[in-house]
Protein backbone atom coordinates (compact mmCIF):
# COMPACT_ATOMS: atom_id res chain seq x y z
CA UNK A 1 -101.21 0.51 -143.55
CA UNK A 2 -99.13 2.48 -141.07
CA UNK A 3 -98.67 6.00 -142.42
CA UNK A 4 -96.65 7.22 -139.45
CA UNK A 5 -93.54 9.14 -140.44
CA UNK A 6 -90.31 7.55 -139.17
CA UNK A 7 -88.72 9.21 -136.18
CA UNK A 8 -85.59 11.28 -136.76
CA UNK A 9 -82.43 9.36 -136.05
CA UNK A 10 -81.55 11.54 -133.07
CA UNK A 11 -84.95 10.88 -131.43
CA UNK A 12 -84.35 7.13 -131.78
CA UNK A 13 -80.90 7.52 -130.27
CA UNK A 14 -82.12 9.47 -127.32
CA UNK A 15 -84.83 6.91 -126.56
CA UNK A 16 -82.62 3.84 -127.02
CA UNK A 17 -79.08 4.52 -125.80
CA UNK A 18 -76.72 1.68 -126.62
CA UNK A 19 -74.25 0.05 -124.30
CA UNK A 20 -70.76 1.04 -125.33
CA UNK A 21 -67.96 -1.44 -124.84
CA UNK A 22 -64.64 -0.38 -126.31
CA UNK A 23 -62.26 2.42 -125.37
CA UNK A 24 -58.87 3.35 -126.78
CA UNK A 25 -56.24 5.21 -124.77
CA UNK A 26 -53.51 6.96 -126.73
CA UNK A 27 -50.26 6.76 -124.77
CA UNK A 28 -47.66 6.88 -127.52
CA UNK A 29 -46.48 10.46 -127.09
CA UNK A 30 -42.88 11.23 -126.22
CA UNK A 31 -43.83 13.93 -123.67
CA UNK A 32 -41.17 16.27 -125.06
CA UNK A 33 -42.91 19.42 -123.85
CA UNK A 34 -43.31 18.04 -120.35
CA UNK A 35 -39.80 16.65 -120.01
CA UNK A 36 -40.72 13.20 -118.67
CA UNK A 37 -43.23 10.46 -119.42
CA UNK A 38 -46.62 11.89 -118.53
CA UNK A 39 -48.18 8.43 -118.24
CA UNK A 40 -46.18 7.86 -115.05
CA UNK A 41 -47.09 11.10 -113.30
CA UNK A 42 -48.63 10.51 -109.90
CA UNK A 43 -52.09 11.86 -109.15
CA UNK A 44 -53.83 10.82 -105.92
CA UNK A 45 -51.56 7.84 -105.49
CA UNK A 46 -51.98 6.50 -109.04
CA UNK A 47 -50.02 6.96 -112.22
CA UNK A 48 -51.80 9.03 -114.83
CA UNK A 49 -52.36 6.05 -117.11
CA UNK A 50 -53.71 4.01 -114.18
CA UNK A 51 -56.10 6.83 -113.34
CA UNK A 52 -57.39 6.99 -116.94
CA UNK A 53 -57.87 3.21 -117.12
CA UNK A 54 -59.62 3.17 -113.74
CA UNK A 55 -62.00 5.91 -114.88
CA UNK A 56 -62.91 4.11 -118.10
CA UNK A 57 -63.44 0.61 -116.68
CA UNK A 58 -66.93 1.18 -115.16
CA UNK A 59 -68.19 2.21 -118.62
CA UNK A 60 -66.13 0.06 -121.00
CA UNK A 61 -65.29 -3.61 -120.72
CA UNK A 62 -62.60 -3.68 -123.41
CA UNK A 63 -59.77 -1.15 -123.17
CA UNK A 64 -56.94 -0.88 -125.68
CA UNK A 65 -53.82 1.17 -124.98
CA UNK A 66 -51.89 2.32 -128.04
CA UNK A 67 -48.25 2.69 -127.04
CA UNK A 68 -44.74 1.71 -128.02
CA UNK A 69 -44.02 1.23 -124.31
CA UNK A 70 -46.36 -1.56 -123.16
CA UNK A 71 -44.63 -1.64 -119.79
CA UNK A 72 -46.49 1.58 -118.95
CA UNK A 73 -49.72 -0.41 -118.69
CA UNK A 74 -48.28 -3.43 -116.87
CA UNK A 75 -50.78 -4.93 -114.44
CA UNK A 76 -53.73 -2.85 -115.67
CA UNK A 77 -55.48 -5.72 -117.51
CA UNK A 78 -55.68 -3.88 -120.82
CA UNK A 79 -54.72 -4.81 -124.37
CA UNK A 80 -51.66 -2.98 -125.69
CA UNK A 81 -50.97 -2.39 -129.38
CA UNK A 82 -48.47 -0.31 -131.32
CA UNK A 83 -49.00 1.89 -134.37
CA UNK A 84 -49.46 0.10 -137.69
CA UNK A 85 -48.87 2.99 -140.09
CA UNK A 86 -45.29 3.59 -139.02
CA UNK A 87 -44.28 4.92 -142.45
CA UNK A 88 -45.99 8.20 -141.53
CA UNK A 89 -44.88 10.76 -138.92
CA UNK A 90 -45.89 9.89 -135.37
CA UNK A 91 -49.18 11.56 -134.45
CA UNK A 92 -52.55 10.78 -132.77
CA UNK A 93 -54.16 9.80 -136.09
CA UNK A 94 -51.81 6.83 -136.26
CA UNK A 95 -52.86 5.88 -132.75
CA UNK A 96 -56.58 6.08 -133.49
CA UNK A 97 -56.03 3.93 -136.57
CA UNK A 98 -54.12 1.33 -134.56
CA UNK A 99 -56.74 1.18 -131.82
CA UNK A 100 -59.66 0.80 -134.24
CA UNK A 101 -57.75 -1.84 -136.20
CA UNK A 102 -57.09 -3.91 -133.10
CA UNK A 103 -60.75 -4.77 -132.55
CA UNK A 104 -63.82 -5.76 -134.53
CA UNK A 105 -66.01 -3.47 -132.43
CA UNK A 106 -68.02 -1.14 -134.72
CA UNK A 107 -67.06 1.97 -132.75
CA UNK A 108 -64.91 2.92 -129.77
CA UNK A 109 -64.29 5.85 -127.48
CA UNK A 110 -60.88 7.49 -127.84
CA UNK A 111 -59.17 9.34 -125.01
CA UNK A 112 -55.66 10.71 -124.57
CA UNK A 113 -53.57 9.40 -121.71
CA UNK A 114 -52.78 12.91 -120.51
CA UNK A 115 -56.46 13.79 -119.86
CA UNK A 116 -56.92 12.85 -116.18
CA UNK A 117 -60.60 13.66 -115.74
CA UNK A 118 -63.52 11.54 -116.95
CA UNK A 119 -67.23 12.29 -116.88
CA UNK A 120 -69.14 9.01 -117.47
CA UNK A 121 -72.50 10.71 -118.00
CA UNK A 122 -71.19 12.89 -120.81
CA UNK A 123 -69.59 9.87 -122.47
CA UNK A 124 -72.76 7.79 -122.09
CA UNK A 125 -74.73 10.58 -123.73
CA UNK A 126 -72.26 10.71 -126.63
CA UNK A 127 -72.45 6.93 -127.01
CA UNK A 128 -76.11 7.16 -128.02
CA UNK A 129 -75.07 8.62 -131.36
CA UNK A 130 -72.05 6.40 -132.02
CA UNK A 131 -73.91 3.64 -133.94
CA UNK A 132 -75.24 6.19 -136.43
CA UNK A 133 -72.19 8.35 -137.11
CA UNK A 134 -68.55 7.85 -138.04
CA UNK A 135 -67.41 10.38 -135.44
CA UNK A 136 -69.08 11.79 -132.32
CA UNK A 137 -67.03 14.69 -131.00
CA UNK A 138 -67.53 17.58 -128.55
CA UNK A 139 -67.25 21.06 -130.01
CA UNK A 140 -67.10 24.26 -127.96
CA UNK A 141 -67.49 27.16 -130.38
CA UNK A 142 -64.94 26.46 -133.10
CA UNK A 143 -62.81 24.21 -130.90
CA UNK A 144 -63.10 20.43 -131.24
CA UNK A 145 -62.10 17.78 -128.70
CA UNK A 146 -60.94 14.97 -131.05
CA UNK A 147 -59.21 13.06 -128.24
CA UNK A 148 -62.44 12.75 -126.30
CA UNK A 149 -64.58 11.28 -129.05
CA UNK A 150 -66.13 8.17 -130.54
CA UNK A 151 -64.76 6.81 -133.81
CA UNK A 152 -66.18 4.11 -136.03
CA UNK A 153 -64.18 1.48 -137.88
CA UNK A 154 -65.46 3.17 -141.03
CA UNK A 155 -62.87 5.88 -140.24
CA UNK A 156 -59.94 3.55 -140.96
CA UNK A 157 -59.63 4.31 -144.66
CA UNK A 158 -60.34 8.05 -144.35
CA UNK A 159 -57.61 8.23 -141.70
CA UNK A 160 -55.17 6.40 -143.95
CA UNK A 161 -55.97 8.74 -146.85
CA UNK A 162 -55.49 11.77 -144.61
CA UNK A 163 -52.04 10.51 -143.57
CA UNK A 164 -51.13 9.78 -147.19
CA UNK A 165 -51.96 13.40 -148.03
CA UNK A 166 -49.39 14.42 -145.45
CA UNK A 167 -51.89 15.69 -142.88
CA UNK A 168 -51.66 14.66 -139.26
CA UNK A 169 -54.35 16.93 -137.86
CA UNK A 170 -57.22 14.76 -136.64
CA UNK A 171 -60.14 17.00 -137.56
CA UNK A 172 -59.00 17.36 -141.17
CA UNK A 173 -60.46 13.98 -142.08
CA UNK A 174 -63.87 14.87 -140.61
CA UNK A 175 -64.96 16.42 -143.90
CA UNK A 176 -64.96 12.98 -145.50
CA UNK A 177 -67.08 11.20 -142.86
CA UNK A 178 -70.40 11.62 -141.07
CA UNK A 179 -69.88 13.62 -137.88
CA UNK A 180 -72.12 14.34 -134.89
CA UNK A 181 -71.02 17.41 -132.96
CA UNK A 182 -71.86 17.64 -129.26
CA UNK A 183 -72.37 21.33 -128.53
CA UNK A 184 -71.69 23.55 -125.55
CA UNK A 185 -75.23 23.34 -124.14
CA UNK A 186 -75.06 19.56 -123.80
CA UNK A 187 -71.45 19.60 -122.59
CA UNK A 188 -72.29 22.08 -119.86
CA UNK A 189 -75.29 20.02 -118.79
CA UNK A 190 -72.96 17.16 -117.80
CA UNK A 191 -69.58 18.82 -117.32
CA UNK A 192 -69.98 22.57 -116.71
CA UNK A 193 -66.28 23.08 -115.86
CA UNK A 194 -65.30 21.05 -118.96
CA UNK A 195 -62.78 19.10 -116.92
CA UNK A 196 -63.18 16.22 -119.39
CA UNK A 197 -61.08 18.12 -121.93
CA UNK A 198 -58.30 19.25 -119.62
CA UNK A 199 -54.96 17.78 -120.60
CA UNK A 200 -51.51 17.93 -119.08
CA UNK A 201 -48.88 19.32 -121.42
CA UNK A 202 -46.67 21.33 -119.06
CA UNK A 203 -45.59 21.39 -115.44
CA UNK A 204 -48.07 24.19 -114.83
CA UNK A 205 -50.85 21.95 -116.20
CA UNK A 206 -49.79 19.25 -113.75
CA UNK A 207 -50.04 21.70 -110.86
CA UNK A 208 -53.48 22.76 -112.11
CA UNK A 209 -54.61 19.12 -112.32
CA UNK A 210 -53.57 18.59 -108.69
CA UNK A 211 -55.47 21.74 -107.72
CA UNK A 212 -58.63 20.52 -109.49
CA UNK A 213 -58.38 17.16 -107.79
CA UNK A 214 -58.20 18.80 -104.39
CA UNK A 215 -61.20 20.93 -105.29
């Protein structure tokens, strides 16, 4: 009889990382703060959405773009879907729900279209935990990065319930699911400048993104 105690889940995950396959890009925002469609901003000769897709493709072989403007992703060889829960106010939760619903994959990586930087090693590390949790999300202090996270299909109903309660804040549904937080120590091991979480909301952010690219 083998009396060995089973290994903790996280030890198993670290020893046997899984190959992740699906990624969801949220590109349904109206870019009101920026003043024009951010997906079409040019960075290093590519539109922002093209840059995000190009960064994801070496890691994921199925990419879904959630948008009500499918022409933004024309020629990028991705699957485009629109929100399903349109009876609720437009917000990223609707987009995550639509992306998860569009595939039978058990979990997928979610990234916002206005986040131009991608660190594959950090994402691969996070993917090790995705089969065992409903959400895998970076957290720096008290700040979460819910648009750079893995979500399981098991989140579909909790997301719907959160929207029905009138809440559009992503992290509010975390209390009803199993969450793995990726802390600062691990984040800094792979992405010490935390470029992965930089997003473009304003013209100043765009200038800063160009500066970081040059650097």
